[in-house]
Amino acid sequence: MRRASFAVTTGFLLLAIQAHAAEVTLYDGNGTPADEGWTRISGAGHRGGSVTETQIPGHSLEIETDRMRYHSYALDTGYAEFLVGARMRITDAQYNYADAGLMFSVLGKSGEPDRFSGVYLTPDHVGFMDLKDMAPIAAEQYHDFAILYRDHALSFYVDDSFQSIMDGTAVPELYRTDPIPSRWGNTSGVVQIGDQTNDFNVNSRYILENVRFLGITPVPEPETSIMFGAGLAFLAWAARRRNLPP
């Protein structure tokens, strides 16, 4: 019984490591996201292009790209499951298959977003970047866009609170299961926002006010993964021992 009790205690202790963290602000509208630890991904194609970033009084940033300019910000959160929200007002944005002048992605790599389960944003609608699903939004207003990634499913929300999303009362505008295209080496937890293509005249103009984040399950460190696996194995062994006939 002592062994079983130790196994159960170990299992609960290891599962407790998975408990979600408190809500944090990843970007507060002061300066650029790069000033707050994000990675800037910026460049232009052979026809050139420019990016303009304008600080707006009241803690927000307006970003505009033109011609073949791409310009986005990425942050590796270190979480495998999470909820992230960005408050934005979109004035202009174009898109095409697997490319977007303004995208919101959480399943990419630090230098490359997910081109298929990432979400493109426009002034009047949003959709998956593979163009298989879309939803209308009120044009040219501030919106709170949020992505929940949990249990191998991605849910995209518009103007729902973190509380309503987490307690299950909010209804997602876009949803898909098993969205990570593993053949591209993508992983969950890398948040990227901005113009991710140098396609000619696929650009955007938008105001980014803030980015909030709620971590649910962190990416385990190698040592934690080993401990967690060992704990689960020990629980299974103890259960089998209890069920053996005397």
C-alpha atoms as a PDB file:
ATOM      1  CA  MET A   1       0.000   0.000   0.000  1.00  0.00           C
ATOM      2  CA  ARG A   2       2.865   2.366   0.734  1.00  0.00           C
ATOM      3  CA  ARG A   3       4.232   1.857  -2.780  1.00  0.00           C
ATOM      4  CA  ALA A   4       0.814   2.503  -4.307  1.00  0.00           C
ATOM      5  CA  SER A   5       0.355   5.639  -2.197  1.00  0.00           C
ATOM      6  CA  PHE A   6       3.761   6.894  -3.279  1.00  0.00           C
ATOM      7  CA  ALA A   7       2.887   6.209  -6.925  1.00  0.00           C
ATOM      8  CA  VAL A   8      -0.420   8.073  -6.665  1.00  0.00           C
ATOM      9  CA  THR A   9       1.261  10.984  -4.899  1.00  0.00           C
ATOM     10  CA  THR A  10       3.973  11.084  -7.573  1.00  0.00           C
ATOM     11  CA  GLY A  11       1.380  10.994 -10.328  1.00  0.00           C
ATOM     12  CA  PHE A  12      -0.637  13.875  -8.886  1.00  0.00           C
ATOM     13  CA  LEU A  13       2.546  15.860  -8.279  1.00  0.00           C
ATOM     14  CA  LEU A  14       3.633  15.411 -11.870  1.00  0.00           C
ATOM     15  CA  LEU A  15       0.176  16.255 -13.182  1.00  0.00           C
ATOM     16  CA  ALA A  16       0.203  19.407 -11.046  1.00  0.00           C
ATOM     17  CA  ILE A  17       3.140  20.618 -13.122  1.00  0.00           C
ATOM     18  CA  GLN A  18       0.676  20.781 -16.024  1.00  0.00           C
ATOM     19  CA  ALA A  19      -1.686  23.273 -14.274  1.00  0.00           C
ATOM     20  CA  HIS A  20      -2.235  26.457 -16.260  1.00  0.00           C
ATOM     21  CA  ALA A  21      -0.438  29.665 -15.377  1.00  0.00           C
ATOM     22  CA  ALA A  22      -1.893  33.098 -14.685  1.00  0.00           C
ATOM     23  CA  GLU A  23      -2.827  35.419 -17.538  1.00  0.00           C
ATOM     24  CA  VAL A  24       0.063  37.616 -18.690  1.00  0.00           C
ATOM     25  CA  THR A  25       0.536  40.439 -21.194  1.00  0.00           C
ATOM     26  CA  LEU A  26       2.929  39.565 -24.019  1.00  0.00           C
ATOM     27  CA  TYR A  27       2.671  43.021 -25.611  1.00  0.00           C
ATOM     28  CA  ASP A  28       1.220  46.131 -23.983  1.00  0.00           C
ATOM     29  CA  GLY A  29       1.208  48.602 -26.896  1.00  0.00           C
ATOM     30  CA  ASN A  30       4.265  50.561 -25.785  1.00  0.00           C
ATOM     31  CA  GLY A  31       6.913  50.697 -28.506  1.00  0.00           C
ATOM     32  CA  THR A  32       7.091  47.680 -30.790  1.00  0.00           C
ATOM     33  CA  PRO A  33       6.757  44.011 -29.856  1.00  0.00           C
ATOM     34  CA  ALA A  34      10.530  43.743 -30.413  1.00  0.00           C
ATOM     35  CA  ASP A  35      10.970  46.129 -27.472  1.00  0.00           C
ATOM     36  CA  GLU A  36       9.157  43.558 -25.330  1.00  0.00           C
ATOM     37  CA  GLY A  37      11.122  40.489 -26.371  1.00  0.00           C
ATOM     38  CA  TRP A  38       9.469  39.432 -29.632  1.00  0.00           C
ATOM     39  CA  THR A  39      11.503  38.510 -32.727  1.00  0.00           C
ATOM     40  CA  ARG A  40      11.057  40.841 -35.699  1.00  0.00           C
ATOM     41  CA  ILE A  41      10.785  39.061 -39.072  1.00  0.00           C
ATOM     42  CA  SER A  42      11.081  41.660 -41.815  1.00  0.00           C
ATOM     43  CA  GLY A  43      12.260  41.987 -45.402  1.00  0.00           C
ATOM     44  CA  ALA A  44      11.191  42.604 -48.998  1.00  0.00           C
ATOM     45  CA  GLY A  45      11.200  40.930 -52.394  1.00  0.00           C
ATOM     46  CA  HIS A  46      13.021  42.095 -55.528  1.00  0.00           C
ATOM     47  CA  ARG A  47      10.469  44.845 -56.189  1.00  0.00           C
ATOM     48  CA  GLY A  48      11.053  46.320 -52.767  1.00  0.00           C
ATOM     49  CA  GLY A  49       8.547  47.666 -50.317  1.00  0.00           C
ATOM     50  CA  SER A  50       8.361  49.490 -47.042  1.00  0.00           C
ATOM     51  CA  VAL A  51       6.969  49.160 -43.550  1.00  0.00           C
ATOM     52  CA  THR A  52       5.740  52.027 -41.387  1.00  0.00           C
ATOM     53  CA  GLU A  53       5.276  51.697 -37.633  1.00  0.00           C
ATOM     54  CA  THR A  54       3.567  54.582 -35.849  1.00  0.00           C
ATOM     55  CA  GLN A  55       3.117  54.803 -32.093  1.00  0.00           C
ATOM     56  CA  ILE A  56      -0.408  55.961 -31.247  1.00  0.00           C
ATOM     57  CA  PRO A  57      -1.107  57.825 -27.998  1.00  0.00           C
ATOM     58  CA  GLY A  58      -3.015  55.543 -25.672  1.00  0.00           C
ATOM     59  CA  HIS A  59      -0.621  52.617 -25.949  1.00  0.00           C
ATOM     60  CA  SER A  60      -1.040  51.034 -29.388  1.00  0.00           C
ATOM     61  CA  LEU A  61       0.988  50.636 -32.568  1.00  0.00           C
ATOM     62  CA  GLU A  62      -0.123  51.097 -36.179  1.00  0.00           C
ATOM     63  CA  ILE A  63       1.730  48.965 -38.733  1.00  0.00           C
ATOM     64  CA  GLU A  64       1.486  49.273 -42.527  1.00  0.00           C
ATOM     65  CA  THR A  65       3.290  47.321 -45.271  1.00  0.00           C
ATOM     66  CA  ASP A  66       3.265  47.832 -49.031  1.00  0.00           C
ATOM     67  CA  ARG A  67       4.389  46.155 -52.273  1.00  0.00           C
ATOM     68  CA  MET A  68       6.514  43.054 -51.470  1.00  0.00           C
ATOM     69  CA  ARG A  69       7.293  43.882 -47.883  1.00  0.00           C
ATOM     70  CA  TYR A  70       6.762  41.242 -45.203  1.00  0.00           C
ATOM     71  CA  HIS A  71       6.903  42.219 -41.557  1.00  0.00           C
ATOM     72  CA  SER A  72       5.742  40.267 -38.526  1.00  0.00           C
ATOM     73  CA  TYR A  73       6.625  39.528 -34.920  1.00  0.00           C
ATOM     74  CA  ALA A  74       7.051  36.095 -33.333  1.00  0.00           C
ATOM     75  CA  LEU A  75       7.372  34.871 -29.758  1.00  0.00           C
ATOM     76  CA  ASP A  76       8.032  31.326 -28.558  1.00  0.00           C
ATOM     77  CA  THR A  77       5.872  31.032 -25.452  1.00  0.00           C
ATOM     78  CA  GLY A  78       7.170  27.644 -24.324  1.00  0.00           C
ATOM     79  CA  TYR A  79       3.641  26.253 -23.977  1.00  0.00           C
ATOM     80  CA  ALA A  80       2.147  23.259 -25.767  1.00  0.00           C
ATOM     81  CA  GLU A  81      -1.442  24.247 -24.850  1.00  0.00           C
ATOM     82  CA  PHE A  82      -2.541  27.822 -24.326  1.00  0.00           C
ATOM     83  CA  LEU A  83      -4.956  30.681 -24.979  1.00  0.00           C
ATOM     84  CA  VAL A  84      -3.676  33.834 -26.661  1.00  0.00           C
ATOM     85  CA  GLY A  85      -5.583  36.981 -27.620  1.00  0.00           C
ATOM     86  CA  ALA A  86      -4.721  40.043 -29.687  1.00  0.00           C
ATOM     87  CA  ARG A  87      -6.753  43.266 -29.659  1.00  0.00           C
ATOM     88  CA  MET A  88      -6.592  44.873 -33.111  1.00  0.00           C
ATOM     89  CA  ARG A  89      -8.280  47.243 -35.534  1.00  0.00           C
ATOM     90  CA  ILE A  90      -7.792  46.329 -39.207  1.00  0.00           C
ATOM     91  CA  THR A  91      -8.002  48.989 -41.885  1.00  0.00           C
ATOM     92  CA  ASP A  92      -6.719  46.984 -44.858  1.00  0.00           C
ATOM     93  CA  ALA A  93      -5.432  43.462 -45.514  1.00  0.00           C
ATOM     94  CA  GLN A  94      -5.183  41.149 -48.518  1.00  0.00           C
ATOM     95  CA  TYR A  95      -4.614  37.414 -48.658  1.00  0.00           C
ATOM     96  CA  ASN A  96      -4.348  34.420 -50.965  1.00  0.00           C
ATOM     97  CA  TYR A  97      -3.869  30.691 -50.542  1.00  0.00           C
ATOM     98  CA  ALA A  98      -1.348  30.022 -47.744  1.00  0.00           C
ATOM     99  CA  ASP A  99      -0.250  33.664 -47.657  1.00  0.00           C
ATOM    100  CA  ALA A 100      -1.624  36.675 -45.818  1.00  0.00           C
ATOM    101  CA  GLY A 101      -0.883  40.355 -45.463  1.00  0.00           C
ATOM    102  CA  LEU A 102      -2.115  39.997 -41.890  1.00  0.00           C
ATOM    103  CA  MET A 103      -2.093  36.638 -40.156  1.00  0.00           C
ATOM    104  CA  PHE A 104      -2.391  35.345 -36.601  1.00  0.00           C
ATOM    105  CA  SER A 105      -0.542  32.058 -36.173  1.00  0.00           C
ATOM    106  CA  VAL A 106       0.325  29.914 -33.145  1.00  0.00           C
ATOM    107  CA  LEU A 107       1.487  26.649 -34.748  1.00  0.00           C
ATOM    108  CA  GLY A 108       4.547  27.695 -36.671  1.00  0.00           C
ATOM    109  CA  LYS A 109       8.251  28.112 -36.119  1.00  0.00           C
ATOM    110  CA  SER A 110      10.048  31.218 -34.917  1.00  0.00           C
ATOM    111  CA  GLY A 111      10.863  32.241 -38.484  1.00  0.00           C
ATOM    112  CA  GLU A 112       7.898  30.813 -40.348  1.00  0.00           C
ATOM    113  CA  PRO A 113       4.184  30.714 -39.474  1.00  0.00           C
ATOM    114  CA  ASP A 114       1.783  27.869 -40.109  1.00  0.00           C
ATOM    115  CA  ARG A 115       0.497  28.516 -43.629  1.00  0.00           C
ATOM    116  CA  PHE A 116      -2.492  26.196 -43.363  1.00  0.00           C
ATOM    117  CA  SER A 117      -3.949  26.417 -39.851  1.00  0.00           C
ATOM    118  CA  GLY A 118      -2.881  29.999 -39.306  1.00  0.00           C
ATOM    119  CA  VAL A 119      -5.691  32.554 -39.525  1.00  0.00           C
ATOM    120  CA  TYR A 120      -5.757  35.434 -42.008  1.00  0.00           C
ATOM    121  CA  LEU A 121      -7.429  38.658 -40.859  1.00  0.00           C
ATOM    122  CA  THR A 122      -9.179  41.290 -42.997  1.00  0.00           C
ATOM    123  CA  PRO A 123     -11.374  44.291 -42.122  1.00  0.00           C
ATOM    124  CA  ASP A 124     -14.608  42.321 -42.635  1.00  0.00           C
ATOM    125  CA  HIS A 125     -13.842  38.616 -42.280  1.00  0.00           C
ATOM    126  CA  VAL A 126     -11.337  36.057 -40.989  1.00  0.00           C
ATOM    127  CA  GLY A 127     -10.425  32.600 -42.222  1.00  0.00           C
ATOM    128  CA  PHE A 128      -7.961  29.744 -42.226  1.00  0.00           C
ATOM    129  CA  MET A 129      -5.057  30.390 -44.568  1.00  0.00           C
ATOM    130  CA  ASP A 130      -5.819  27.274 -46.624  1.00  0.00           C
ATOM    131  CA  LEU A 131      -9.122  29.053 -47.501  1.00  0.00           C
ATOM    132  CA  LYS A 132     -11.266  26.135 -46.279  1.00  0.00           C
ATOM    133  CA  ASP A 133     -13.264  28.087 -43.710  1.00  0.00           C
ATOM    134  CA  MET A 134     -14.089  31.738 -42.974  1.00  0.00           C
ATOM    135  CA  ALA A 135     -16.336  33.889 -40.779  1.00  0.00           C
ATOM    136  CA  PRO A 136     -17.568  37.509 -41.113  1.00  0.00           C
ATOM    137  CA  ILE A 137     -16.687  40.240 -38.606  1.00  0.00           C
ATOM    138  CA  ALA A 138     -17.853  43.839 -38.206  1.00  0.00           C
ATOM    139  CA  ALA A 139     -15.713  46.001 -40.485  1.00  0.00           C
ATOM    140  CA  GLU A 140     -12.971  48.332 -39.260  1.00  0.00           C
ATOM    141  CA  GLN A 141     -13.683  48.030 -35.558  1.00  0.00           C
ATOM    142  CA  TYR A 142     -11.503  46.996 -32.668  1.00  0.00           C
ATOM    143  CA  HIS A 143     -11.834  43.258 -32.129  1.00  0.00           C
ATOM    144  CA  ASP A 144     -10.414  40.833 -29.615  1.00  0.00           C
ATOM    145  CA  PHE A 145      -9.131  37.888 -31.633  1.00  0.00           C
ATOM    146  CA  ALA A 146      -8.255  34.794 -29.602  1.00  0.00           C
ATOM    147  CA  ILE A 147      -6.842  31.359 -30.346  1.00  0.00           C
ATOM    148  CA  LEU A 148      -7.216  28.418 -27.992  1.00  0.00           C
ATOM    149  CA  TYR A 149      -4.999  25.421 -28.705  1.00  0.00           C
ATOM    150  CA  ARG A 150      -5.803  22.450 -26.477  1.00  0.00           C
ATOM    151  CA  ASP A 151      -6.319  18.702 -26.873  1.00  0.00           C
ATOM    152  CA  HIS A 152      -4.906  18.811 -30.418  1.00  0.00           C
ATOM    153  CA  ALA A 153      -7.618  21.255 -31.524  1.00  0.00           C
ATOM    154  CA  LEU A 154      -7.474  24.910 -32.570  1.00  0.00           C
ATOM    155  CA  SER A 155     -10.406  27.235 -31.858  1.00  0.00           C
ATOM    156  CA  PHE A 156     -10.548  30.850 -33.068  1.00  0.00           C
ATOM    157  CA  TYR A 157     -12.772  33.371 -31.273  1.00  0.00           C
ATOM    158  CA  VAL A 158     -13.829  36.953 -31.929  1.00  0.00           C
ATOM    159  CA  ASP A 159     -14.780  39.292 -29.058  1.00  0.00           C
ATOM    160  CA  ASP A 160     -15.118  36.609 -26.399  1.00  0.00           C
ATOM    161  CA  SER A 161     -13.551  36.948 -22.964  1.00  0.00           C
ATOM    162  CA  PHE A 162     -10.808  34.621 -21.756  1.00  0.00           C
ATOM    163  CA  GLN A 163     -13.168  33.534 -18.981  1.00  0.00           C
ATOM    164  CA  SER A 164     -15.969  32.522 -21.372  1.00  0.00           C
ATOM    165  CA  ILE A 165     -13.505  30.707 -23.621  1.00  0.00           C
ATOM    166  CA  MET A 166     -11.962  28.754 -20.766  1.00  0.00           C
ATOM    167  CA  ASP A 167     -15.296  27.819 -19.170  1.00  0.00           C
ATOM    168  CA  GLY A 168     -16.654  26.628 -22.525  1.00  0.00           C
ATOM    169  CA  THR A 169     -19.539  29.083 -22.943  1.00  0.00           C
ATOM    170  CA  ALA A 170     -17.978  30.931 -25.921  1.00  0.00           C
ATOM    171  CA  VAL A 171     -18.563  29.545 -29.418  1.00  0.00           C
ATOM    172  CA  PRO A 172     -15.562  29.593 -31.799  1.00  0.00           C
ATOM    173  CA  GLU A 173     -15.851  31.204 -35.223  1.00  0.00           C
ATOM    174  CA  LEU A 174     -13.306  28.767 -36.683  1.00  0.00           C
ATOM    175  CA  TYR A 175     -12.357  25.299 -35.461  1.00  0.00           C
ATOM    176  CA  ARG A 176     -10.273  22.343 -36.573  1.00  0.00           C
ATOM    177  CA  THR A 177      -8.693  19.276 -35.000  1.00  0.00           C
ATOM    178  CA  ASP A 178      -5.137  17.960 -35.408  1.00  0.00           C
ATOM    179  CA  PRO A 179      -4.054  21.127 -37.240  1.00  0.00           C
ATOM    180  CA  ILE A 180      -0.261  20.916 -36.903  1.00  0.00           C
ATOM    181  CA  PRO A 181       1.316  19.977 -40.266  1.00  0.00           C
ATOM    182  CA  SER A 182       4.129  17.878 -38.797  1.00  0.00           C
ATOM    183  CA  ARG A 183       5.760  17.384 -42.195  1.00  0.00           C
ATOM    184  CA  TRP A 184       6.868  21.031 -41.996  1.00  0.00           C
ATOM    185  CA  GLY A 185       8.361  20.629 -38.543  1.00  0.00           C
ATOM    186  CA  ASN A 186       5.866  23.006 -36.961  1.00  0.00           C
ATOM    187  CA  THR A 187       5.196  23.029 -33.244  1.00  0.00           C
ATOM    188  CA  SER A 188       2.617  24.664 -30.993  1.00  0.00           C
ATOM    189  CA  GLY A 189       3.323  27.722 -28.900  1.00  0.00           C
ATOM    190  CA  VAL A 190       5.065  30.085 -31.340  1.00  0.00           C
ATOM    191  CA  VAL A 191       2.785  33.131 -31.631  1.00  0.00           C
ATOM    192  CA  GLN A 192       3.234  35.198 -34.788  1.00  0.00           C
ATOM    193  CA  ILE A 193       1.298  38.283 -35.913  1.00  0.00           C
ATOM    194  CA  GLY A 194       1.752  40.405 -39.037  1.00  0.00           C
ATOM    195  CA  ASP A 195       2.441  40.362 -42.774  1.00  0.00           C
ATOM    196  CA  GLN A 196       4.039  36.998 -43.560  1.00  0.00           C
ATOM    197  CA  THR A 197       4.316  37.119 -47.358  1.00  0.00           C
ATOM    198  CA  ASN A 198       6.296  39.013 -49.970  1.00  0.00           C
ATOM    199  CA  ASP A 199       3.653  38.340 -52.619  1.00  0.00           C
ATOM    200  CA  PHE A 200       3.221  41.546 -54.580  1.00  0.00           C
ATOM    201  CA  ASN A 201       0.566  43.824 -53.070  1.00  0.00           C
ATOM    202  CA  VAL A 202      -0.533  41.319 -50.415  1.00  0.00           C
ATOM    203  CA  ASN A 203      -0.153  43.733 -47.519  1.00  0.00           C
ATOM    204  CA  SER A 204      -1.931  45.187 -44.521  1.00  0.00           C
ATOM    205  CA  ARG A 205      -2.590  48.180 -42.318  1.00  0.00           C
ATOM    206  CA  TYR A 206      -3.711  47.593 -38.745  1.00  0.00           C
ATOM    207  CA  ILE A 207      -3.450  48.792 -35.165  1.00  0.00           C
ATOM    208  CA  LEU A 208      -2.173  46.351 -32.547  1.00  0.00           C
ATOM    209  CA  GLU A 209      -3.204  47.343 -29.030  1.00  0.00           C
ATOM    210  CA  ASN A 210      -2.113  44.381 -26.941  1.00  0.00           C
ATOM    211  CA  VAL A 211      -1.464  40.637 -26.830  1.00  0.00           C
ATOM    212  CA  ARG A 212      -2.548  38.587 -23.792  1.00  0.00           C
ATOM    213  CA  PHE A 213      -1.672  35.009 -22.965  1.00  0.00           C
ATOM    214  CA  LEU A 214      -2.815  32.219 -20.694  1.00  0.00           C
ATOM    215  CA  GLY A 215      -0.542  29.188 -20.559  1.00  0.00           C
ATOM    216  CA  ILE A 216      -2.279  25.855 -19.968  1.00  0.00           C
ATOM    217  CA  THR A 217       0.315  23.124 -20.488  1.00  0.00           C
ATOM    218  CA  PRO A 218       4.007  24.031 -20.761  1.00  0.00           C
ATOM    219  CA  VAL A 219       6.334  22.224 -23.120  1.00  0.00           C
ATOM    220  CA  PRO A 220       8.058  19.816 -20.708  1.00  0.00           C
ATOM    221  CA  GLU A 221      11.788  19.957 -20.197  1.00  0.00           C
ATOM    222  CA  PRO A 222      13.521  16.663 -21.041  1.00  0.00           C
ATOM    223  CA  GLU A 223      13.953  15.861 -17.339  1.00  0.00           C
ATOM    224  CA  THR A 224      10.283  16.605 -16.660  1.00  0.00           C
ATOM    225  CA  SER A 225       9.203  14.406 -19.572  1.00  0.00           C
ATOM    226  CA  ILE A 226      11.253  11.518 -18.194  1.00  0.00           C
ATOM    227  CA  MET A 227       9.827  12.012 -14.685  1.00  0.00           C
ATOM    228  CA  PHE A 228       6.284  12.287 -16.005  1.00  0.00           C
ATOM    229  CA  GLY A 229       6.663   9.119 -18.074  1.00  0.00           C
ATOM    230  CA  ALA A 230       8.223   7.271 -15.154  1.00  0.00           C
ATOM    231  CA  GLY A 231       5.422   8.420 -12.835  1.00  0.00           C
ATOM    232  CA  LEU A 232       2.720   7.186 -15.228  1.00  0.00           C
ATOM    233  CA  ALA A 233       4.532   3.872 -15.675  1.00  0.00           C
ATOM    234  CA  PHE A 234       4.795   3.493 -11.897  1.00  0.00           C
ATOM    235  CA  LEU A 235       1.058   4.185 -11.514  1.00  0.00           C
ATOM    236  CA  ALA A 236       0.250   1.510 -14.108  1.00  0.00           C
ATOM    237  CA  TRP A 237       2.593  -0.994 -12.403  1.00  0.00           C
ATOM    238  CA  ALA A 238       1.064  -0.323  -8.988  1.00  0.00           C
ATOM    239  CA  ALA A 239      -2.449  -0.758 -10.370  1.00  0.00           C
ATOM    240  CA  ARG A 240      -1.512  -4.087 -11.918  1.00  0.00           C
ATOM    241  CA  ARG A 241       0.056  -5.229  -8.628  1.00  0.00           C
ATOM    242  CA  ARG A 242      -3.142  -4.416  -6.733  1.00  0.00           C
ATOM    243  CA  ASN A 243      -5.225  -6.411  -9.233  1.00  0.00           C
ATOM    244  CA  LEU A 244      -3.061  -9.550  -9.107  1.00  0.00           C
ATOM    245  CA  PRO A 245      -4.615 -12.525  -7.283  1.00  0.00           C
ATOM    246  CA  PRO A 246      -2.976 -13.405  -3.935  1.00  0.00           C
END
